[in-house]
C-alpha cells in the first residue's frame, strides 16, 4: 500500500513538473574504468560483510591457538562471625588463594595453587595456615593424546586457509 502511494505521488509530480524529467541541463560525467570499479566497490555490502566475516574467522583461529595459554584464577574472601555470649566473642577469617591452570598439548593439565588463611578469634590464639600445591593429570591415550589435543588447532588452521581462498 505504501509503495503504491509513493509510486502514485512520483507520477503526479512528474506530470505537474515535467521540466524535472526533460531537463536540458544534463551534465555528462565521464568516468574511467578504474573510477567505475571504485564507485561500484565503495559501498558494496557483500564486500563489507566478507570483511567482517574475516575478522570473526581470524578471532576464531586466535581462540583455538590460545588453548594452551595458562589461565589464572584469584579468590579473596573475608568473613566476620560474631557470637553473643558473656564475652561477646567474635572471629575474623581471611582467605586468599590463587590457582593457575595450564593445558599441555599432550592432553595433560597442570594446576599450581597457593592458599593463605588466618583466623583471629577474640581472646584466643591467632592461627594461620599457608598451603601450596601442584597437580598433574595425564590421560592415558595412545601417543599421549597429542594428535587429539591439537586437532582443534589444526582444524582452525585449515578453516583459515579455506576462508582466505574463498574470499579471493
N, C-alpha and C. Protein backbone atom coordinates (compact mmCIF):
# COMPACT_ATOMS: atom_id res chain seq x y z
N UNK A 1 0.83 -1.19 0.00
CA UNK A 1 0.00 0.00 0.00
C UNK A 1 0.87 1.25 0.00
N UNK A 2 1.87 1.25 0.89
CA UNK A 2 2.75 2.40 0.99
C UNK A 2 3.55 2.59 -0.30
N UNK A 3 3.98 1.47 -0.88
CA UNK A 3 4.74 1.52 -2.12
C UNK A 3 3.89 2.08 -3.26
N UNK A 4 2.62 1.71 -3.30
CA UNK A 4 1.71 2.21 -4.34
C UNK A 4 1.49 3.71 -4.21
N UNK A 5 1.38 4.19 -2.97
CA UNK A 5 1.20 5.64 -2.77
C UNK A 5 2.42 6.42 -3.21
N UNK A 6 3.59 5.89 -2.92
CA UNK A 6 4.81 6.57 -3.34
C UNK A 6 4.94 6.60 -4.86
N UNK A 7 4.57 5.51 -5.51
CA UNK A 7 4.61 5.48 -6.98
C UNK A 7 3.63 6.48 -7.57
N UNK A 8 2.45 6.55 -7.02
CA UNK A 8 1.44 7.49 -7.49
C UNK A 8 1.90 8.93 -7.28
N UNK A 9 2.49 9.21 -6.14
CA UNK A 9 2.99 10.56 -5.86
C UNK A 9 4.10 10.93 -6.84
N UNK A 10 4.96 10.00 -7.16
CA UNK A 10 6.03 10.25 -8.11
C UNK A 10 5.47 10.58 -9.50
N UNK A 11 4.49 9.82 -9.95
CA UNK A 11 3.89 10.08 -11.26
C UNK A 11 3.19 11.44 -11.30
N UNK A 12 2.50 11.81 -10.24
CA UNK A 12 1.83 13.12 -10.19
C UNK A 12 2.86 14.23 -10.28
N UNK A 13 3.94 14.11 -9.52
CA UNK A 13 4.99 15.13 -9.58
C UNK A 13 5.64 15.19 -10.95
N UNK A 14 5.77 14.06 -11.59
CA UNK A 14 6.38 14.01 -12.91
C UNK A 14 5.52 14.75 -13.94
N UNK A 15 4.19 14.63 -13.84
CA UNK A 15 3.31 15.31 -14.79
C UNK A 15 3.10 16.78 -14.42
N UNK A 16 3.17 17.11 -13.14
CA UNK A 16 2.99 18.51 -12.74
C UNK A 16 4.23 19.32 -13.08
N UNK A 17 5.36 18.73 -12.85
CA UNK A 17 6.61 19.43 -13.13
C UNK A 17 7.41 18.66 -14.18
N UNK A 18 7.02 18.76 -15.43
CA UNK A 18 7.69 17.96 -16.47
C UNK A 18 9.11 18.44 -16.75
N UNK A 19 9.41 19.66 -16.36
CA UNK A 19 10.77 20.12 -16.66
C UNK A 19 11.81 19.36 -15.84
N UNK A 20 11.41 18.70 -14.73
CA UNK A 20 12.36 17.86 -14.00
C UNK A 20 12.77 16.65 -14.84
N UNK A 21 11.80 16.11 -15.55
CA UNK A 21 12.06 14.91 -16.35
C UNK A 21 12.76 15.24 -17.66
N UNK A 22 12.48 16.40 -18.23
CA UNK A 22 13.01 16.75 -19.54
C UNK A 22 14.03 17.87 -19.45
N UNK A 23 14.76 17.91 -18.40
CA UNK A 23 15.72 18.98 -18.21
C UNK A 23 16.81 18.90 -19.28
N UNK A 24 17.12 20.05 -19.85
CA UNK A 24 18.16 20.08 -20.88
C UNK A 24 19.51 20.43 -20.29
N UNK A 25 19.53 20.64 -18.99
CA UNK A 25 20.79 20.98 -18.33
C UNK A 25 21.51 19.73 -17.82
N UNK A 26 21.43 18.67 -18.57
CA UNK A 26 22.06 17.43 -18.14
C UNK A 26 23.57 17.58 -18.23
N UNK A 27 24.18 17.20 -17.16
CA UNK A 27 25.64 17.27 -17.11
C UNK A 27 26.18 15.87 -17.30
N UNK A 28 27.02 15.71 -18.29
CA UNK A 28 27.58 14.40 -18.59
C UNK A 28 28.93 14.30 -17.89
N UNK A 29 29.08 13.21 -17.16
CA UNK A 29 30.33 12.99 -16.45
C UNK A 29 31.02 11.78 -17.06
N UNK A 30 32.25 11.94 -17.43
CA UNK A 30 32.97 10.81 -18.00
C UNK A 30 33.79 10.15 -16.88
N UNK A 31 33.73 8.84 -16.85
CA UNK A 31 34.45 8.08 -15.83
C UNK A 31 35.35 7.06 -16.51
N UNK A 32 36.50 6.88 -15.93
CA UNK A 32 37.39 5.84 -16.43
C UNK A 32 36.93 4.49 -15.86
N UNK A 33 37.52 3.43 -16.34
CA UNK A 33 37.15 2.09 -15.85
C UNK A 33 37.51 1.95 -14.38
N UNK A 34 38.66 2.46 -13.99
CA UNK A 34 39.05 2.35 -12.57
C UNK A 34 38.11 3.17 -11.68
N UNK A 35 37.64 4.34 -12.18
CA UNK A 35 36.66 5.12 -11.41
C UNK A 35 35.35 4.36 -11.26
N UNK A 36 34.92 3.69 -12.31
CA UNK A 36 33.69 2.89 -12.25
C UNK A 36 33.83 1.75 -11.25
N UNK A 37 34.98 1.09 -11.27
CA UNK A 37 35.20 -0.02 -10.33
C UNK A 37 35.23 0.50 -8.90
N UNK A 38 35.94 1.62 -8.68
CA UNK A 38 35.99 2.21 -7.34
C UNK A 38 34.60 2.59 -6.86
N UNK A 39 33.81 3.18 -7.73
CA UNK A 39 32.45 3.58 -7.37
C UNK A 39 31.58 2.36 -7.04
N UNK A 40 31.75 1.29 -7.80
CA UNK A 40 30.95 0.08 -7.55
C UNK A 40 31.36 -0.62 -6.25
N UNK A 41 32.64 -0.55 -5.91
CA UNK A 41 33.14 -1.26 -4.73
C UNK A 41 33.05 -0.44 -3.44
N UNK A 42 32.87 0.85 -3.56
CA UNK A 42 32.93 1.72 -2.39
C UNK A 42 31.95 1.33 -1.28
N UNK A 43 30.71 1.13 -1.61
CA UNK A 43 29.69 0.80 -0.61
C UNK A 43 29.05 -0.55 -0.87
N UNK A 44 29.84 -1.50 -1.31
CA UNK A 44 29.33 -2.83 -1.60
C UNK A 44 29.13 -3.59 -0.29
N UNK A 45 27.90 -3.93 0.03
CA UNK A 45 27.60 -4.61 1.30
C UNK A 45 28.17 -6.01 1.35
N UNK A 46 28.24 -6.67 0.22
CA UNK A 46 28.82 -8.02 0.21
C UNK A 46 30.28 -8.00 0.61
N UNK A 47 31.02 -7.01 0.13
CA UNK A 47 32.43 -6.89 0.48
C UNK A 47 32.58 -6.52 1.94
N UNK A 48 31.74 -5.60 2.44
CA UNK A 48 31.78 -5.24 3.86
C UNK A 48 31.47 -6.46 4.72
N UNK A 49 30.50 -7.24 4.33
CA UNK A 49 30.14 -8.45 5.07
C UNK A 49 31.29 -9.46 5.06
N UNK A 50 31.93 -9.62 3.92
CA UNK A 50 33.06 -10.55 3.82
C UNK A 50 34.22 -10.08 4.70
N UNK A 51 34.44 -8.78 4.76
CA UNK A 51 35.49 -8.22 5.61
C UNK A 51 35.20 -8.51 7.08
N UNK A 52 33.96 -8.30 7.51
CA UNK A 52 33.59 -8.59 8.90
C UNK A 52 33.67 -10.09 9.20
N UNK A 53 33.31 -10.92 8.23
CA UNK A 53 33.45 -12.37 8.40
C UNK A 53 34.91 -12.76 8.60
N UNK A 54 35.81 -12.12 7.86
CA UNK A 54 37.24 -12.42 8.01
C UNK A 54 37.74 -12.06 9.40
N UNK A 55 37.25 -10.94 9.94
CA UNK A 55 37.65 -10.55 11.29
C UNK A 55 37.21 -11.62 12.29
N UNK A 56 35.98 -12.09 12.14
CA UNK A 56 35.46 -13.13 13.02
C UNK A 56 36.22 -14.44 12.84
N UNK A 57 36.57 -14.80 11.63
CA UNK A 57 37.30 -16.04 11.37
C UNK A 57 38.71 -15.98 11.96
N UNK A 58 39.37 -14.82 11.86
CA UNK A 58 40.70 -14.68 12.47
C UNK A 58 40.61 -14.77 13.99
N UNK A 59 39.53 -14.23 14.56
CA UNK A 59 39.34 -14.32 16.01
C UNK A 59 39.15 -15.78 16.43
N UNK A 60 38.39 -16.54 15.65
CA UNK A 60 38.18 -17.96 15.97
C UNK A 60 39.49 -18.73 15.93
N UNK A 61 40.37 -18.40 14.99
CA UNK A 61 41.68 -19.04 14.92
C UNK A 61 42.50 -18.68 16.16
N UNK A 62 42.45 -17.42 16.56
CA UNK A 62 43.20 -16.98 17.74
C UNK A 62 42.71 -17.70 19.00
N UNK A 63 41.40 -17.87 19.13
CA UNK A 63 40.84 -18.59 20.28
C UNK A 63 41.35 -20.03 20.30
N UNK A 64 41.38 -20.68 19.14
CA UNK A 64 41.86 -22.06 19.07
C UNK A 64 43.34 -22.14 19.42
N UNK A 65 44.14 -21.16 18.98
CA UNK A 65 45.57 -21.18 19.26
C UNK A 65 45.87 -20.86 20.72
N UNK A 66 44.98 -20.16 21.40
CA UNK A 66 45.19 -19.80 22.81
C UNK A 66 44.78 -20.91 23.77
N UNK A 67 44.54 -22.08 23.25
CA UNK A 67 44.08 -23.21 24.07
C UNK A 67 45.10 -23.58 25.15
N UNK A 68 46.38 -23.40 24.87
CA UNK A 68 47.43 -23.85 25.79
C UNK A 68 48.07 -22.70 26.58
N UNK A 69 47.39 -21.57 26.68
CA UNK A 69 47.89 -20.45 27.48
C UNK A 69 47.42 -20.64 28.92
N UNK A 70 48.30 -20.43 29.91
CA UNK A 70 47.89 -20.59 31.31
C UNK A 70 46.74 -19.65 31.68
N UNK A 71 45.85 -20.16 32.52
CA UNK A 71 44.69 -19.39 32.95
C UNK A 71 44.73 -19.21 34.47
N UNK A 72 44.89 -17.98 34.96
CA UNK A 72 44.93 -17.77 36.42
C UNK A 72 43.54 -17.50 36.99
N UNK A 73 43.33 -17.97 38.22
CA UNK A 73 42.10 -17.71 38.97
C UNK A 73 42.51 -17.20 40.35
N UNK A 74 41.95 -16.09 40.75
CA UNK A 74 42.29 -15.48 42.04
C UNK A 74 41.02 -15.39 42.87
N UNK A 75 41.13 -15.74 44.15
CA UNK A 75 39.98 -15.61 45.04
C UNK A 75 40.42 -14.99 46.35
N UNK A 76 39.61 -14.06 46.84
CA UNK A 76 39.86 -13.39 48.12
C UNK A 76 38.55 -13.36 48.88
N UNK A 77 38.62 -13.65 50.17
CA UNK A 77 37.40 -13.71 50.97
C UNK A 77 37.72 -13.26 52.39
N UNK A 78 36.78 -12.55 52.98
CA UNK A 78 36.93 -12.14 54.38
C UNK A 78 35.59 -12.36 55.07
N UNK A 79 35.60 -13.06 56.18
CA UNK A 79 34.38 -13.33 56.94
C UNK A 79 34.51 -12.76 58.34
N UNK A 80 33.41 -12.29 58.85
CA UNK A 80 33.33 -11.82 60.23
C UNK A 80 32.16 -12.54 60.87
N UNK A 81 32.45 -13.27 61.93
CA UNK A 81 31.41 -14.03 62.60
C UNK A 81 31.40 -13.61 64.07
N UNK A 82 30.24 -13.20 64.53
CA UNK A 82 30.11 -12.80 65.94
C UNK A 82 29.13 -13.73 66.63
N UNK A 83 29.48 -14.10 67.84
CA UNK A 83 28.60 -14.94 68.65
C UNK A 83 28.33 -14.20 69.96
N UNK A 84 27.10 -14.17 70.35
CA UNK A 84 26.74 -13.45 71.56
C UNK A 84 26.86 -14.39 72.76
N UNK A 85 27.78 -14.08 73.63
CA UNK A 85 27.91 -14.79 74.89
C UNK A 85 28.37 -13.79 75.94
N UNK A 86 28.85 -14.29 77.07
CA UNK A 86 29.21 -13.35 78.14
C UNK A 86 30.39 -12.47 77.76
N UNK A 87 31.27 -12.93 76.87
CA UNK A 87 32.42 -12.14 76.46
C UNK A 87 32.23 -11.48 75.10
N UNK A 88 31.07 -11.67 74.49
CA UNK A 88 30.80 -11.20 73.12
C UNK A 88 31.96 -11.61 72.20
N UNK A 89 32.11 -12.90 72.01
CA UNK A 89 33.20 -13.45 71.20
C UNK A 89 32.95 -13.18 69.72
N UNK A 90 33.99 -12.97 68.99
CA UNK A 90 33.89 -12.82 67.54
C UNK A 90 35.12 -13.45 66.90
N UNK A 91 34.98 -13.75 65.62
CA UNK A 91 36.07 -14.37 64.86
C UNK A 91 36.16 -13.69 63.50
N UNK A 92 37.35 -13.36 63.10
CA UNK A 92 37.60 -12.81 61.77
C UNK A 92 38.41 -13.86 61.00
N UNK A 93 37.92 -14.22 59.84
CA UNK A 93 38.60 -15.20 58.99
C UNK A 93 38.92 -14.54 57.66
N UNK A 94 40.16 -14.64 57.25
CA UNK A 94 40.57 -14.10 55.94
C UNK A 94 41.15 -15.24 55.12
N UNK A 95 40.71 -15.32 53.88
CA UNK A 95 41.18 -16.36 52.97
C UNK A 95 41.63 -15.72 51.66
N UNK A 96 42.70 -16.20 51.11
CA UNK A 96 43.17 -15.74 49.79
C UNK A 96 43.76 -16.94 49.07
N UNK A 97 43.56 -16.98 47.79
CA UNK A 97 44.10 -18.10 47.03
C UNK A 97 44.30 -17.74 45.57
N UNK A 98 45.20 -18.44 44.96
CA UNK A 98 45.43 -18.28 43.53
C UNK A 98 45.66 -19.68 42.94
N UNK A 99 45.11 -19.88 41.77
CA UNK A 99 45.29 -21.14 41.06
C UNK A 99 45.62 -20.82 39.61
N UNK A 100 46.63 -21.45 39.09
CA UNK A 100 47.00 -21.29 37.69
C UNK A 100 46.87 -22.66 37.03
N UNK A 101 46.09 -22.71 35.98
CA UNK A 101 45.85 -23.97 35.26
C UNK A 101 46.40 -23.84 33.85
N UNK A 102 47.14 -24.85 33.44
CA UNK A 102 47.66 -24.86 32.07
C UNK A 102 47.40 -26.22 31.43
N UNK A 103 46.86 -26.17 30.23
CA UNK A 103 46.65 -27.39 29.45
C UNK A 103 47.87 -27.58 28.55
N UNK A 104 48.36 -28.79 28.49
CA UNK A 104 49.52 -29.11 27.67
C UNK A 104 49.07 -29.81 26.38
N UNK A 105 49.87 -29.73 25.32
CA UNK A 105 49.49 -30.37 24.06
C UNK A 105 49.31 -31.88 24.17
N UNK A 106 49.87 -32.49 25.20
CA UNK A 106 49.73 -33.94 25.37
C UNK A 106 48.37 -34.33 25.95
N UNK A 107 47.58 -33.36 26.36
CA UNK A 107 46.30 -33.63 27.00
C UNK A 107 46.39 -33.50 28.50
N UNK A 108 47.58 -33.27 29.01
CA UNK A 108 47.78 -33.15 30.45
C UNK A 108 47.34 -31.78 30.94
N UNK A 109 47.03 -31.71 32.22
CA UNK A 109 46.72 -30.44 32.88
C UNK A 109 47.64 -30.29 34.08
N UNK A 110 48.16 -29.09 34.25
CA UNK A 110 48.97 -28.76 35.42
C UNK A 110 48.24 -27.67 36.18
N UNK A 111 48.04 -27.89 37.47
CA UNK A 111 47.41 -26.89 38.34
C UNK A 111 48.40 -26.52 39.43
N UNK A 112 48.71 -25.24 39.53
CA UNK A 112 49.52 -24.72 40.62
C UNK A 112 48.58 -23.90 41.50
N UNK A 113 48.62 -24.15 42.80
CA UNK A 113 47.71 -23.42 43.68
C UNK A 113 48.43 -23.01 44.95
N UNK A 114 48.01 -21.90 45.48
CA UNK A 114 48.52 -21.42 46.76
C UNK A 114 47.37 -20.79 47.53
N UNK A 115 47.32 -21.06 48.83
CA UNK A 115 46.25 -20.53 49.66
C UNK A 115 46.82 -19.99 50.96
N UNK A 116 46.18 -18.98 51.46
CA UNK A 116 46.55 -18.39 52.74
C UNK A 116 45.27 -18.16 53.53
N UNK A 117 45.29 -18.48 54.81
CA UNK A 117 44.14 -18.18 55.66
C UNK A 117 44.63 -17.85 57.06
N UNK A 118 43.93 -16.95 57.69
CA UNK A 118 44.20 -16.70 59.10
C UNK A 118 42.87 -16.52 59.83
N UNK A 119 42.87 -16.95 61.07
CA UNK A 119 41.68 -16.86 61.91
C UNK A 119 42.08 -16.11 63.17
N UNK A 120 41.33 -15.07 63.48
CA UNK A 120 41.63 -14.23 64.64
C UNK A 120 40.43 -14.21 65.59
N UNK A 121 40.32 -15.22 66.43
CA UNK A 121 39.24 -15.17 67.41
C UNK A 121 39.60 -14.25 68.57
N UNK A 122 38.58 -13.67 69.17
CA UNK A 122 38.80 -12.77 70.30
C UNK A 122 39.21 -13.60 71.52
N UNK A 123 40.22 -13.15 72.19
CA UNK A 123 40.73 -13.76 73.43
C UNK A 123 41.22 -15.19 73.24
N UNK A 124 41.60 -15.56 72.04
CA UNK A 124 42.16 -16.88 71.79
C UNK A 124 43.39 -16.72 70.91
N UNK A 125 44.24 -17.73 70.82
CA UNK A 125 45.44 -17.60 69.99
C UNK A 125 45.10 -17.45 68.50
N UNK A 126 45.92 -16.69 67.86
CA UNK A 126 45.82 -16.43 66.42
C UNK A 126 46.28 -17.68 65.67
N UNK A 127 45.56 -18.09 64.64
CA UNK A 127 46.01 -19.24 63.83
C UNK A 127 46.15 -18.82 62.37
N UNK A 128 47.15 -19.37 61.75
CA UNK A 128 47.46 -19.01 60.37
C UNK A 128 47.81 -20.29 59.61
N UNK A 129 47.39 -20.35 58.35
CA UNK A 129 47.65 -21.54 57.54
C UNK A 129 48.03 -21.10 56.13
N UNK A 130 49.11 -21.64 55.63
CA UNK A 130 49.55 -21.38 54.27
C UNK A 130 49.76 -22.73 53.59
N UNK A 131 49.28 -22.83 52.36
CA UNK A 131 49.46 -24.10 51.65
C UNK A 131 49.76 -23.83 50.18
N UNK A 132 50.47 -24.75 49.59
CA UNK A 132 50.78 -24.68 48.16
C UNK A 132 50.65 -26.09 47.60
N UNK A 133 50.26 -26.16 46.36
CA UNK A 133 50.11 -27.49 45.77
C UNK A 133 50.31 -27.46 44.27
N UNK A 134 50.65 -28.61 43.77
CA UNK A 134 50.78 -28.78 42.32
C UNK A 134 50.08 -30.11 41.97
N UNK A 135 49.31 -30.07 40.92
CA UNK A 135 48.59 -31.25 40.47
C UNK A 135 48.89 -31.45 38.99
N UNK A 136 49.19 -32.68 38.64
CA UNK A 136 49.45 -33.03 37.25
C UNK A 136 48.57 -34.21 36.90
N UNK A 137 47.82 -34.09 35.81
CA UNK A 137 46.99 -35.22 35.37
C UNK A 137 47.20 -35.42 33.87
N UNK A 138 47.40 -36.68 33.50
CA UNK A 138 47.65 -37.03 32.10
C UNK A 138 46.72 -38.17 31.72
N UNK A 139 45.85 -37.97 30.72
CA UNK A 139 45.00 -39.08 30.29
C UNK A 139 45.84 -40.15 29.59
N UNK A 140 45.42 -41.37 29.71
CA UNK A 140 46.16 -42.49 29.11
C UNK A 140 45.65 -42.75 27.70
N UNK A 141 46.08 -41.90 26.79
CA UNK A 141 45.69 -42.05 25.39
C UNK A 141 46.90 -42.51 24.59
N UNK A 142 46.64 -43.18 23.49
CA UNK A 142 47.72 -43.62 22.62
C UNK A 142 48.44 -42.39 22.06
N UNK A 143 49.75 -42.39 22.15
CA UNK A 143 50.53 -41.25 21.67
C UNK A 143 50.41 -40.04 22.57
N UNK A 144 50.02 -40.26 23.82
CA UNK A 144 49.84 -39.21 24.83
C UNK A 144 48.76 -38.20 24.46
N UNK A 145 47.96 -38.47 23.45
CA UNK A 145 46.85 -37.58 23.11
C UNK A 145 47.25 -36.32 22.37
N UNK A 146 48.47 -36.27 21.86
CA UNK A 146 48.94 -35.05 21.20
C UNK A 146 48.11 -34.75 19.96
N UNK A 147 47.88 -35.75 19.13
CA UNK A 147 47.08 -35.53 17.91
C UNK A 147 45.66 -35.13 18.25
N UNK A 148 45.08 -35.78 19.23
CA UNK A 148 43.71 -35.47 19.63
C UNK A 148 43.59 -34.06 20.19
N UNK A 149 44.56 -33.66 21.00
CA UNK A 149 44.51 -32.34 21.63
C UNK A 149 44.79 -31.21 20.65
N UNK A 150 45.60 -31.48 19.65
CA UNK A 150 45.92 -30.45 18.66
C UNK A 150 44.96 -30.45 17.48
N UNK A 151 44.00 -31.35 17.46
CA UNK A 151 43.07 -31.44 16.34
C UNK A 151 42.26 -30.16 16.16
N UNK A 152 41.85 -29.53 17.25
CA UNK A 152 41.06 -28.30 17.12
C UNK A 152 41.89 -27.17 16.52
N UNK A 153 43.17 -27.12 16.85
CA UNK A 153 44.04 -26.08 16.28
C UNK A 153 44.28 -26.35 14.80
N UNK A 154 44.54 -27.61 14.45
CA UNK A 154 44.74 -27.95 13.03
C UNK A 154 43.48 -27.69 12.22
N UNK A 155 42.33 -28.01 12.79
CA UNK A 155 41.06 -27.73 12.11
C UNK A 155 40.87 -26.24 11.89
N UNK A 156 41.19 -25.43 12.91
CA UNK A 156 41.06 -23.98 12.78
C UNK A 156 42.03 -23.43 11.73
N UNK A 157 43.25 -23.97 11.66
CA UNK A 157 44.21 -23.52 10.65
C UNK A 157 43.75 -23.89 9.24
N UNK A 158 43.21 -25.08 9.08
CA UNK A 158 42.69 -25.50 7.76
C UNK A 158 41.50 -24.62 7.37
N UNK A 159 40.61 -24.36 8.33
CA UNK A 159 39.47 -23.47 8.05
C UNK A 159 39.94 -22.07 7.68
N UNK A 160 41.02 -21.61 8.30
CA UNK A 160 41.57 -20.29 7.97
C UNK A 160 42.05 -20.26 6.52
N UNK A 161 42.74 -21.31 6.09
CA UNK A 161 43.20 -21.37 4.69
C UNK A 161 42.01 -21.41 3.73
N UNK A 162 40.99 -22.19 4.08
CA UNK A 162 39.78 -22.26 3.24
C UNK A 162 39.11 -20.90 3.16
N UNK A 163 39.02 -20.20 4.29
CA UNK A 163 38.37 -18.89 4.32
C UNK A 163 39.13 -17.86 3.49
N UNK A 164 40.45 -17.91 3.54
CA UNK A 164 41.26 -16.98 2.74
C UNK A 164 41.04 -17.25 1.25
N UNK A 165 41.04 -18.53 0.87
CA UNK A 165 40.83 -18.87 -0.54
C UNK A 165 39.43 -18.53 -1.01
N UNK A 166 38.43 -18.73 -0.15
CA UNK A 166 37.06 -18.41 -0.57
C UNK A 166 36.85 -16.91 -0.69
N UNK A 167 37.57 -16.11 0.09
CA UNK A 167 37.46 -14.65 -0.03
C UNK A 167 38.06 -14.17 -1.34
N UNK A 168 39.14 -14.81 -1.77
CA UNK A 168 39.77 -14.41 -3.04
C UNK A 168 38.85 -14.74 -4.19
